[in-house]
Amino acid sequence: MTRAALAWLYAGETPRRGEIRVELGQGVGVAGLVTGAANEGGFKDLAGRFARQGLLRFGVAMSGEIRFTRLDTGRRVELSHRPRRYRGPPG
């Protein structure tokens, strides 16, 4: 889901680590590691840059499971994972 969200948010661009807010309905995922987002205990900043603190939030009310928001444009995408079994061709 993280890869799909970043591809949608940054079509044709390279995603910028630390410039994406990640919100989850529940649980902990790897999205924060990939995007650089951290909870309230995260990195505050370095000379006013590279702040990660507060970009990872849990327990956010939403219809999906995870939401990604670009901080520079405000563009966002919300996703849900719906795994299904795939039955291959007989044989």
PDB file of N, CA and C in Angstrom:
ATOM      1  N   MET A   1       0.828  -1.186   0.000  1.00  0.00           N
ATOM      2  CA  MET A   1       0.000   0.000   0.000  1.00  0.00           C
ATOM      3  C   MET A   1       0.871   1.247   0.000  1.00  0.00           C
ATOM      4  N   THR A   2       1.971   1.198   0.729  1.00  0.00           N
ATOM      5  CA  THR A   2       2.860   2.362   0.779  1.00  0.00           C
ATOM      6  C   THR A   2       3.411   2.680  -0.601  1.00  0.00           C
ATOM      7  N   ARG A   3       3.854   1.662  -1.312  1.00  0.00           N
ATOM      8  CA  ARG A   3       4.397   1.873  -2.657  1.00  0.00           C
ATOM      9  C   ARG A   3       3.325   2.464  -3.581  1.00  0.00           C
ATOM     10  N   ALA A   4       2.120   1.927  -3.527  1.00  0.00           N
ATOM     11  CA  ALA A   4       1.028   2.426  -4.371  1.00  0.00           C
ATOM     12  C   ALA A   4       0.697   3.876  -4.024  1.00  0.00           C
ATOM     13  N   ALA A   5       0.658   4.193  -2.742  1.00  0.00           N
ATOM     14  CA  ALA A   5       0.338   5.560  -2.321  1.00  0.00           C
ATOM     15  C   ALA A   5       1.401   6.548  -2.786  1.00  0.00           C
ATOM     16  N   LEU A   6       2.661   6.181  -2.623  1.00  0.00           N
ATOM     17  CA  LEU A   6       3.739   7.081  -3.037  1.00  0.00           C
ATOM     18  C   LEU A   6       3.757   7.262  -4.552  1.00  0.00           C
ATOM     19  N   ALA A   7       3.468   6.202  -5.294  1.00  0.00           N
ATOM     20  CA  ALA A   7       3.404   6.307  -6.756  1.00  0.00           C
ATOM     21  C   ALA A   7       2.285   7.256  -7.176  1.00  0.00           C
ATOM     22  N   TRP A   8       1.167   7.234  -6.470  1.00  0.00           N
ATOM     23  CA  TRP A   8       0.040   8.107  -6.801  1.00  0.00           C
ATOM     24  C   TRP A   8       0.337   9.548  -6.408  1.00  0.00           C
ATOM     25  N   LEU A   9       0.873   9.746  -5.206  1.00  0.00           N
ATOM     26  CA  LEU A   9       1.144  11.093  -4.725  1.00  0.00           C
ATOM     27  C   LEU A   9       2.254  11.779  -5.511  1.00  0.00           C
ATOM     28  N   TYR A  10       3.240  11.015  -5.931  1.00  0.00           N
ATOM     29  CA  TYR A  10       4.423  11.567  -6.590  1.00  0.00           C
ATOM     30  C   TYR A  10       4.562  11.031  -8.012  1.00  0.00           C
ATOM     31  N   ALA A  11       3.516  11.051  -8.771  1.00  0.00           N
ATOM     32  CA  ALA A  11       3.552  10.551 -10.148  1.00  0.00           C
ATOM     33  C   ALA A  11       4.689  11.227 -10.917  1.00  0.00           C
ATOM     34  N   GLY A  12       5.680  10.432 -11.317  1.00  0.00           N
ATOM     35  CA  GLY A  12       6.804  10.956 -12.082  1.00  0.00           C
ATOM     36  C   GLY A  12       7.847  11.687 -11.257  1.00  0.00           C
ATOM     37  N   GLU A  13       7.676  11.747  -9.940  1.00  0.00           N
ATOM     38  CA  GLU A  13       8.632  12.426  -9.055  1.00  0.00           C
ATOM     39  C   GLU A  13       9.202  11.429  -8.052  1.00  0.00           C
ATOM     40  N   THR A  14      10.290  11.803  -7.428  1.00  0.00           N
ATOM     41  CA  THR A  14      10.854  10.996  -6.351  1.00  0.00           C
ATOM     42  C   THR A  14      10.266  11.478  -5.030  1.00  0.00           C
ATOM     43  N   PRO A  15       9.638  10.589  -4.250  1.00  0.00           N
ATOM     44  CA  PRO A  15       9.083  11.000  -2.948  1.00  0.00           C
ATOM     45  C   PRO A  15      10.168  11.575  -2.046  1.00  0.00           C
ATOM     46  N   ARG A  16       9.811  12.549  -1.244  1.00  0.00           N
ATOM     47  CA  ARG A  16      10.762  13.202  -0.344  1.00  0.00           C
ATOM     48  C   ARG A  16      10.543  12.715   1.076  1.00  0.00           C
ATOM     49  N   ARG A  17      11.516  11.972   1.573  1.00  0.00           N
ATOM     50  CA  ARG A  17      11.471  11.411   2.914  1.00  0.00           C
ATOM     51  C   ARG A  17      11.320  12.533   3.940  1.00  0.00           C
ATOM     52  N   GLY A  18      10.388  12.357   4.869  1.00  0.00           N
ATOM     53  CA  GLY A  18      10.174  13.342   5.919  1.00  0.00           C
ATOM     54  C   GLY A  18       9.179  14.429   5.537  1.00  0.00           C
ATOM     55  N   GLU A  19       8.657  14.391   4.315  1.00  0.00           N
ATOM     56  CA  GLU A  19       7.682  15.388   3.876  1.00  0.00           C
ATOM     57  C   GLU A  19       6.323  14.752   3.591  1.00  0.00           C
ATOM     58  N   ILE A  20       6.036  13.668   4.316  1.00  0.00           N
ATOM     59  CA  ILE A  20       4.787  12.944   4.124  1.00  0.00           C
ATOM     60  C   ILE A  20       4.210  12.613   5.497  1.00  0.00           C
ATOM     61  N   ARG A  21       2.963  12.970   5.708  1.00  0.00           N
ATOM     62  CA  ARG A  21       2.289  12.574   6.950  1.00  0.00           C
ATOM     63  C   ARG A  21       1.631  11.228   6.698  1.00  0.00           C
ATOM     64  N   VAL A  22       1.745  10.310   7.661  1.00  0.00           N
ATOM     65  CA  VAL A  22       1.144   8.978   7.566  1.00  0.00           C
ATOM     66  C   VAL A  22       0.186   8.824   8.737  1.00  0.00           C
ATOM     67  N   GLU A  23      -1.072   8.522   8.436  1.00  0.00           N
ATOM     68  CA  GLU A  23      -2.082   8.343   9.480  1.00  0.00           C
ATOM     69  C   GLU A  23      -2.673   6.953   9.340  1.00  0.00           C
ATOM     70  N   LEU A  24      -2.835   6.269  10.457  1.00  0.00           N
ATOM     71  CA  LEU A  24      -3.378   4.927  10.466  1.00  0.00           C
ATOM     72  C   LEU A  24      -4.606   4.850  11.345  1.00  0.00           C
ATOM     73  N   GLY A  25      -5.582   4.061  10.900  1.00  0.00           N
ATOM     74  CA  GLY A  25      -6.761   3.837  11.712  1.00  0.00           C
ATOM     75  C   GLY A  25      -6.413   3.087  12.980  1.00  0.00           C
ATOM     76  N   GLN A  26      -5.481   2.162  12.864  1.00  0.00           N
ATOM     77  CA  GLN A  26      -5.031   1.382  14.014  1.00  0.00           C
ATOM     78  C   GLN A  26      -3.730   0.689  13.671  1.00  0.00           C
ATOM     79  N   GLY A  27      -3.066   0.165  14.677  1.00  0.00           N
ATOM     80  CA  GLY A  27      -1.870  -0.633  14.469  1.00  0.00           C
ATOM     81  C   GLY A  27      -0.654   0.149  14.013  1.00  0.00           C
ATOM     82  N   VAL A  28       0.445  -0.563  13.913  1.00  0.00           N
ATOM     83  CA  VAL A  28       1.722   0.002  13.512  1.00  0.00           C
ATOM     84  C   VAL A  28       2.154  -0.671  12.223  1.00  0.00           C
ATOM     85  N   GLY A  29       2.637   0.085  11.287  1.00  0.00           N
ATOM     86  CA  GLY A  29       3.085  -0.473  10.020  1.00  0.00           C
ATOM     87  C   GLY A  29       4.476  -0.001   9.667  1.00  0.00           C
ATOM     88  N   VAL A  30       4.958  -0.435   8.533  1.00  0.00           N
ATOM     89  CA  VAL A  30       6.293  -0.058   8.079  1.00  0.00           C
ATOM     90  C   VAL A  30       6.281   1.246   7.297  1.00  0.00           C
ATOM     91  N   ALA A  31       5.112   1.826   7.055  1.00  0.00           N
ATOM     92  CA  ALA A  31       5.019   3.053   6.262  1.00  0.00           C
ATOM     93  C   ALA A  31       5.865   4.177   6.853  1.00  0.00           C
ATOM     94  N   GLY A  32       5.927   4.275   8.157  1.00  0.00           N
ATOM     95  CA  GLY A  32       6.733   5.310   8.800  1.00  0.00           C
ATOM     96  C   GLY A  32       8.203   5.147   8.508  1.00  0.00           C
ATOM     97  N   LEU A  33       8.667   3.914   8.448  1.00  0.00           N
ATOM     98  CA  LEU A  33      10.069   3.669   8.136  1.00  0.00           C
ATOM     99  C   LEU A  33      10.399   4.090   6.710  1.00  0.00           C
ATOM    100  N   VAL A  34       9.515   3.798   5.787  1.00  0.00           N
ATOM    101  CA  VAL A  34       9.750   4.121   4.381  1.00  0.00           C
ATOM    102  C   VAL A  34       9.681   5.625   4.138  1.00  0.00           C
ATOM    103  N   THR A  35       8.724   6.305   4.753  1.00  0.00           N
ATOM    104  CA  THR A  35       8.495   7.724   4.489  1.00  0.00           C
ATOM    105  C   THR A  35       9.272   8.656   5.411  1.00  0.00           C
ATOM    106  N   GLY A  36       9.809   8.131   6.506  1.00  0.00           N
ATOM    107  CA  GLY A  36      10.513   8.970   7.472  1.00  0.00           C
ATOM    108  C   GLY A  36       9.601   9.576   8.518  1.00  0.00           C
ATOM    109  N   ALA A  37       8.310   9.284   8.442  1.00  0.00           N
ATOM    110  CA  ALA A  37       7.353   9.830   9.409  1.00  0.00           C
ATOM    111  C   ALA A  37       7.583   9.210  10.782  1.00  0.00           C
ATOM    112  N   ALA A  38       7.493  10.028  11.826  1.00  0.00           N
ATOM    113  CA  ALA A  38       7.683   9.549  13.194  1.00  0.00           C
ATOM    114  C   ALA A  38       6.572  10.098  14.080  1.00  0.00           C
ATOM    115  N   ASN A  39       6.320   9.408  15.200  1.00  0.00           N
ATOM    116  CA  ASN A  39       5.304   9.879  16.144  1.00  0.00           C
ATOM    117  C   ASN A  39       5.874  11.025  16.979  1.00  0.00           C
ATOM    118  N   GLU A  40       5.230  11.340  18.082  1.00  0.00           N
ATOM    119  CA  GLU A  40       5.655  12.475  18.909  1.00  0.00           C
ATOM    120  C   GLU A  40       7.055  12.324  19.489  1.00  0.00           C
ATOM    121  N   GLY A  41       7.585  11.104  19.541  1.00  0.00           N
ATOM    122  CA  GLY A  41       8.939  10.889  20.052  1.00  0.00           C
ATOM    123  C   GLY A  41       9.996  10.981  18.974  1.00  0.00           C
ATOM    124  N   GLY A  42       9.613  11.336  17.768  1.00  0.00           N
ATOM    125  CA  GLY A  42      10.535  11.365  16.640  1.00  0.00           C
ATOM    126  C   GLY A  42      11.438  12.584  16.606  1.00  0.00           C
ATOM    127  N   PHE A  43      12.282  12.598  15.595  1.00  0.00           N
ATOM    128  CA  PHE A  43      13.268  13.668  15.402  1.00  0.00           C
ATOM    129  C   PHE A  43      12.579  15.018  15.244  1.00  0.00           C
ATOM    130  N   LYS A  44      13.012  16.020  16.033  1.00  0.00           N
ATOM    131  CA  LYS A  44      12.350  17.322  16.034  1.00  0.00           C
ATOM    132  C   LYS A  44      12.789  18.173  14.851  1.00  0.00           C
ATOM    133  N   ASP A  45      14.044  18.399  14.659  1.00  0.00           N
ATOM    134  CA  ASP A  45      14.559  19.081  13.477  1.00  0.00           C
ATOM    135  C   ASP A  45      16.056  19.319  13.622  1.00  0.00           C
ATOM    136  N   LEU A  46      16.659  19.773  12.538  1.00  0.00           N
ATOM    137  CA  LEU A  46      18.070  20.126  12.507  1.00  0.00           C
ATOM    138  C   LEU A  46      18.141  21.470  11.804  1.00  0.00           C
ATOM    139  N   ALA A  47      18.405  22.516  12.555  1.00  0.00           N
ATOM    140  CA  ALA A  47      18.449  23.881  12.022  1.00  0.00           C
ATOM    141  C   ALA A  47      17.155  24.236  11.294  1.00  0.00           C
ATOM    142  N   GLY A  48      16.012  23.802  11.859  1.00  0.00           N
ATOM    143  CA  GLY A  48      14.723  24.112  11.266  1.00  0.00           C
ATOM    144  C   GLY A  48      14.340  23.256  10.076  1.00  0.00           C
ATOM    145  N   ARG A  49      15.089  22.185   9.830  1.00  0.00           N
ATOM    146  CA  ARG A  49      14.816  21.305   8.686  1.00  0.00           C
ATOM    147  C   ARG A  49      14.768  19.858   9.150  1.00  0.00           C
ATOM    148  N   PHE A  50      14.214  19.017   8.317  1.00  0.00           N
ATOM    149  CA  PHE A  50      14.204  17.560   8.499  1.00  0.00           C
ATOM    150  C   PHE A  50      13.376  17.082   9.686  1.00  0.00           C
ATOM    151  N   ALA A  51      12.397  17.856  10.127  1.00  0.00           N
ATOM    152  CA  ALA A  51      11.549  17.445  11.250  1.00  0.00           C
ATOM    153  C   ALA A  51      10.717  16.239  10.851  1.00  0.00           C
ATOM    154  N   ARG A  52      10.664  15.243  11.721  1.00  0.00           N
ATOM    155  CA  ARG A  52       9.870  14.035  11.490  1.00  0.00           C
ATOM    156  C   ARG A  52       8.791  13.870  12.565  1.00  0.00           C
ATOM    157  N   GLN A  53       8.948  14.581  13.666  1.00  0.00           N
ATOM    158  CA  GLN A  53       8.059  14.455  14.819  1.00  0.00           C
ATOM    159  C   GLN A  53       6.634  14.831  14.455  1.00  0.00           C
ATOM    160  N   GLY A  54       5.678  13.985  14.858  1.00  0.00           N
ATOM    161  CA  GLY A  54       4.264  14.260  14.661  1.00  0.00           C
ATOM    162  C   GLY A  54       3.735  13.909  13.279  1.00  0.00           C
ATOM    163  N   LEU A  55       4.559  13.304  12.427  1.00  0.00           N
ATOM    164  CA  LEU A  55       4.107  12.946  11.085  1.00  0.00           C
ATOM    165  C   LEU A  55       3.492  11.550  11.015  1.00  0.00           C
ATOM    166  N   LEU A  56       3.585  10.786  12.088  1.00  0.00           N
ATOM    167  CA  LEU A  56       3.004   9.446  12.134  1.00  0.00           C
ATOM    168  C   LEU A  56       1.947   9.436  13.226  1.00  0.00           C
ATOM    169  N   ARG A  57       0.703   9.204  12.848  1.00  0.00           N
ATOM    170  CA  ARG A  57      -0.408   9.269  13.796  1.00  0.00           C
ATOM    171  C   ARG A  57      -1.200   7.976  13.773  1.00  0.00           C
ATOM    172  N   PHE A  58      -1.669   7.558  14.932  1.00  0.00           N
ATOM    173  CA  PHE A  58      -2.449   6.338  15.081  1.00  0.00           C
ATOM    174  C   PHE A  58      -3.841   6.664  15.604  1.00  0.00           C
ATOM    175  N   GLY A  59      -4.794   5.763  15.333  1.00  0.00           N
ATOM    176  CA  GLY A  59      -6.143   5.940  15.848  1.00  0.00           C
ATOM    177  C   GLY A  59      -6.899   7.078  15.182  1.00  0.00           C
ATOM    178  N   VAL A  60      -6.564   7.378  13.945  1.00  0.00           N
ATOM    179  CA  VAL A  60      -7.224   8.450  13.209  1.00  0.00           C
ATOM    180  C   VAL A  60      -8.503   7.899  12.571  1.00  0.00           C
ATOM    181  N   ALA A  61      -9.616   8.582  12.762  1.00  0.00           N
ATOM    182  CA  ALA A  61     -10.881   8.142  12.167  1.00  0.00           C
ATOM    183  C   ALA A  61     -10.840   8.351  10.656  1.00  0.00           C
ATOM    184  N   MET A  62     -11.077   7.287   9.901  1.00  0.00           N
ATOM    185  CA  MET A  62     -11.084   7.355   8.438  1.00  0.00           C
ATOM    186  C   MET A  62     -11.792   6.141   7.896  1.00  0.00           C
ATOM    187  N   SER A  63     -12.179   6.192   6.650  1.00  0.00           N
ATOM    188  CA  SER A  63     -12.861   5.048   6.051  1.00  0.00           C
ATOM    189  C   SER A  63     -11.874   3.978   5.604  1.00  0.00           C
ATOM    190  N   GLY A  64     -10.644   4.348   5.279  1.00  0.00           N
ATOM    191  CA  GLY A  64      -9.617   3.387   4.872  1.00  0.00           C
ATOM    192  C   GLY A  64      -8.793   2.924   6.063  1.00  0.00           C
ATOM    193  N   GLU A  65      -7.652   2.313   5.761  1.00  0.00           N
ATOM    194  CA  GLU A  65      -6.753   1.823   6.811  1.00  0.00           C
ATOM    195  C   GLU A  65      -5.548   2.722   7.026  1.00  0.00           C
ATOM    196  N   ILE A  66      -5.133   3.419   5.965  1.00  0.00           N
ATOM    197  CA  ILE A  66      -3.949   4.265   6.055  1.00  0.00           C
ATOM    198  C   ILE A  66      -4.101   5.441   5.095  1.00  0.00           C
ATOM    199  N   ARG A  67      -3.628   6.609   5.531  1.00  0.00           N
ATOM    200  CA  ARG A  67      -3.720   7.820   4.711  1.00  0.00           C
ATOM    201  C   ARG A  67      -2.329   8.448   4.628  1.00  0.00           C
ATOM    202  N   PHE A  68      -1.946   8.844   3.432  1.00  0.00           N
ATOM    203  CA  PHE A  68      -0.676   9.521   3.189  1.00  0.00           C
ATOM    204  C   PHE A  68      -0.983  10.923   2.688  1.00  0.00           C
ATOM    205  N   THR A  69      -0.289  11.925   3.242  1.00  0.00           N
ATOM    206  CA  THR A  69      -0.506  13.310   2.837  1.00  0.00           C
ATOM    207  C   THR A  69       0.830  13.980   2.544  1.00  0.00           C
ATOM    208  N   ARG A  70       0.952  14.559   1.357  1.00  0.00           N
ATOM    209  CA  ARG A  70       2.145  15.348   1.034  1.00  0.00           C
ATOM    210  C   ARG A  70       2.061  16.659   1.795  1.00  0.00           C
ATOM    211  N   LEU A  71       3.118  17.019   2.499  1.00  0.00           N
ATOM    212  CA  LEU A  71       3.108  18.257   3.266  1.00  0.00           C
ATOM    213  C   LEU A  71       3.277  19.482   2.379  1.00  0.00           C
ATOM    214  N   ASP A  72       3.950  19.340   1.239  1.00  0.00           N
ATOM    215  CA  ASP A  72       4.189  20.502   0.381  1.00  0.00           C
ATOM    216  C   ASP A  72       2.962  20.895  -0.432  1.00  0.00           C
ATOM    217  N   THR A  73       2.130  19.939  -0.842  1.00  0.00           N
ATOM    218  CA  THR A  73       0.975  20.245  -1.691  1.00  0.00           C
ATOM    219  C   THR A  73      -0.361  19.985  -1.011  1.00  0.00           C
ATOM    220  N   GLY A  74      -0.362  19.192   0.061  1.00  0.00           N
ATOM    221  CA  GLY A  74      -1.606  18.818   0.730  1.00  0.00           C
ATOM    222  C   GLY A  74      -2.336  17.680   0.037  1.00  0.00           C
ATOM    223  N   ARG A  75      -1.807  17.203  -1.075  1.00  0.00           N
ATOM    224  CA  ARG A  75      -2.436  16.082  -1.794  1.00  0.00           C
ATOM    225  C   ARG A  75      -2.381  14.847  -0.914  1.00  0.00           C
ATOM    226  N   ARG A  76      -3.492  14.088  -0.894  1.00  0.00           N
ATOM    227  CA  ARG A  76      -3.500  12.912  -0.034  1.00  0.00           C
ATOM    228  C   ARG A  76      -4.233  11.762  -0.706  1.00  0.00           C
ATOM    229  N   VAL A  77      -3.930  10.566  -0.186  1.00  0.00           N
ATOM    230  CA  VAL A  77      -4.573   9.357  -0.680  1.00  0.00           C
ATOM    231  C   VAL A  77      -4.822   8.452   0.523  1.00  0.00           C
ATOM    232  N   GLU A  78      -5.972   7.782   0.519  1.00  0.00           N
ATOM    233  CA  GLU A  78      -6.354   6.869   1.592  1.00  0.00           C
ATOM    234  C   GLU A  78      -6.552   5.489   0.984  1.00  0.00           C
ATOM    235  N   LEU A  79      -5.987   4.462   1.626  1.00  0.00           N
ATOM    236  CA  LEU A  79      -6.027   3.122   1.069  1.00  0.00           C
ATOM    237  C   LEU A  79      -6.497   2.097   2.082  1.00  0.00           C
ATOM    238  N   SER A  80      -6.980   0.972   1.554  1.00  0.00           N
ATOM    239  CA  SER A  80      -7.334  -0.204   2.352  1.00  0.00           C
ATOM    240  C   SER A  80      -6.793  -1.424   1.633  1.00  0.00           C
ATOM    241  N   HIS A  81      -6.393  -2.408   2.385  1.00  0.00           N
ATOM    242  CA  HIS A  81      -5.879  -3.651   1.822  1.00  0.00           C
ATOM    243  C   HIS A  81      -6.978  -4.698   1.911  1.00  0.00           C
ATOM    244  N   ARG A  82      -7.306  -5.283   0.799  1.00  0.00           N
ATOM    245  CA  ARG A  82      -8.355  -6.298   0.741  1.00  0.00           C
ATOM    246  C   ARG A  82      -7.785  -7.569   0.105  1.00  0.00           C
ATOM    247  N   PRO A  83      -7.099  -8.381   0.893  1.00  0.00           N
ATOM    248  CA  PRO A  83      -6.513  -9.596   0.320  1.00  0.00           C
ATOM    249  C   PRO A  83      -7.589 -10.599  -0.102  1.00  0.00           C
ATOM    250  N   ARG A  84      -7.361 -11.247  -1.225  1.00  0.00           N
ATOM    251  CA  ARG A  84      -8.275 -12.271  -1.720  1.00  0.00           C
ATOM    252  C   ARG A  84      -7.462 -13.467  -2.180  1.00  0.00           C
ATOM    253  N   ARG A  85      -8.066 -14.594  -2.108  1.00  0.00           N
ATOM    254  CA  ARG A  85      -7.422 -15.795  -2.626  1.00  0.00           C
ATOM    255  C   ARG A  85      -7.526 -15.810  -4.131  1.00  0.00           C
ATOM    256  N   TYR A  86      -6.468 -16.257  -4.753  1.00  0.00           N
ATOM    257  CA  TYR A  86      -6.467 -16.393  -6.202  1.00  0.00           C
ATOM    258  C   TYR A  86      -6.358 -17.862  -6.541  1.00  0.00           C
ATOM    259  N   ARG A  87      -7.278 -18.306  -7.324  1.00  0.00           N
ATOM    260  CA  ARG A  87      -7.219 -19.701  -7.774  1.00  0.00           C
ATOM    261  C   ARG A  87      -6.744 -19.698  -9.213  1.00  0.00           C
ATOM    262  N   GLY A  88      -5.624 -20.328  -9.422  1.00  0.00           N
ATOM    263  CA  GLY A  88      -5.052 -20.411 -10.753  1.00  0.00           C
ATOM    264  C   GLY A  88      -5.860 -21.321 -11.651  1.00  0.00           C
ATOM    265  N   PRO A  89      -5.476 -21.377 -12.906  1.00  0.00           N
ATOM    266  CA  PRO A  89      -6.191 -22.254 -13.846  1.00  0.00           C
ATOM    267  C   PRO A  89      -6.063 -23.718 -13.437  1.00  0.00           C
ATOM    268  N   PRO A  90      -7.090 -24.509 -13.699  1.00  0.00           N
ATOM    269  CA  PRO A  90      -7.001 -25.933 -13.334  1.00  0.00           C
ATOM    270  C   PRO A  90      -5.881 -26.617 -14.113  1.00  0.00           C
ATOM    271  N   GLY A  91      -5.324 -27.586 -13.461  1.00  0.00           N
ATOM    272  CA  GLY A  91      -4.330 -28.356 -14.197  1.00  0.00           C
ATOM    273  C   GLY A  91      -3.135 -28.594 -13.460  1.00  0.00           C
TER     274      GLY A  91
END
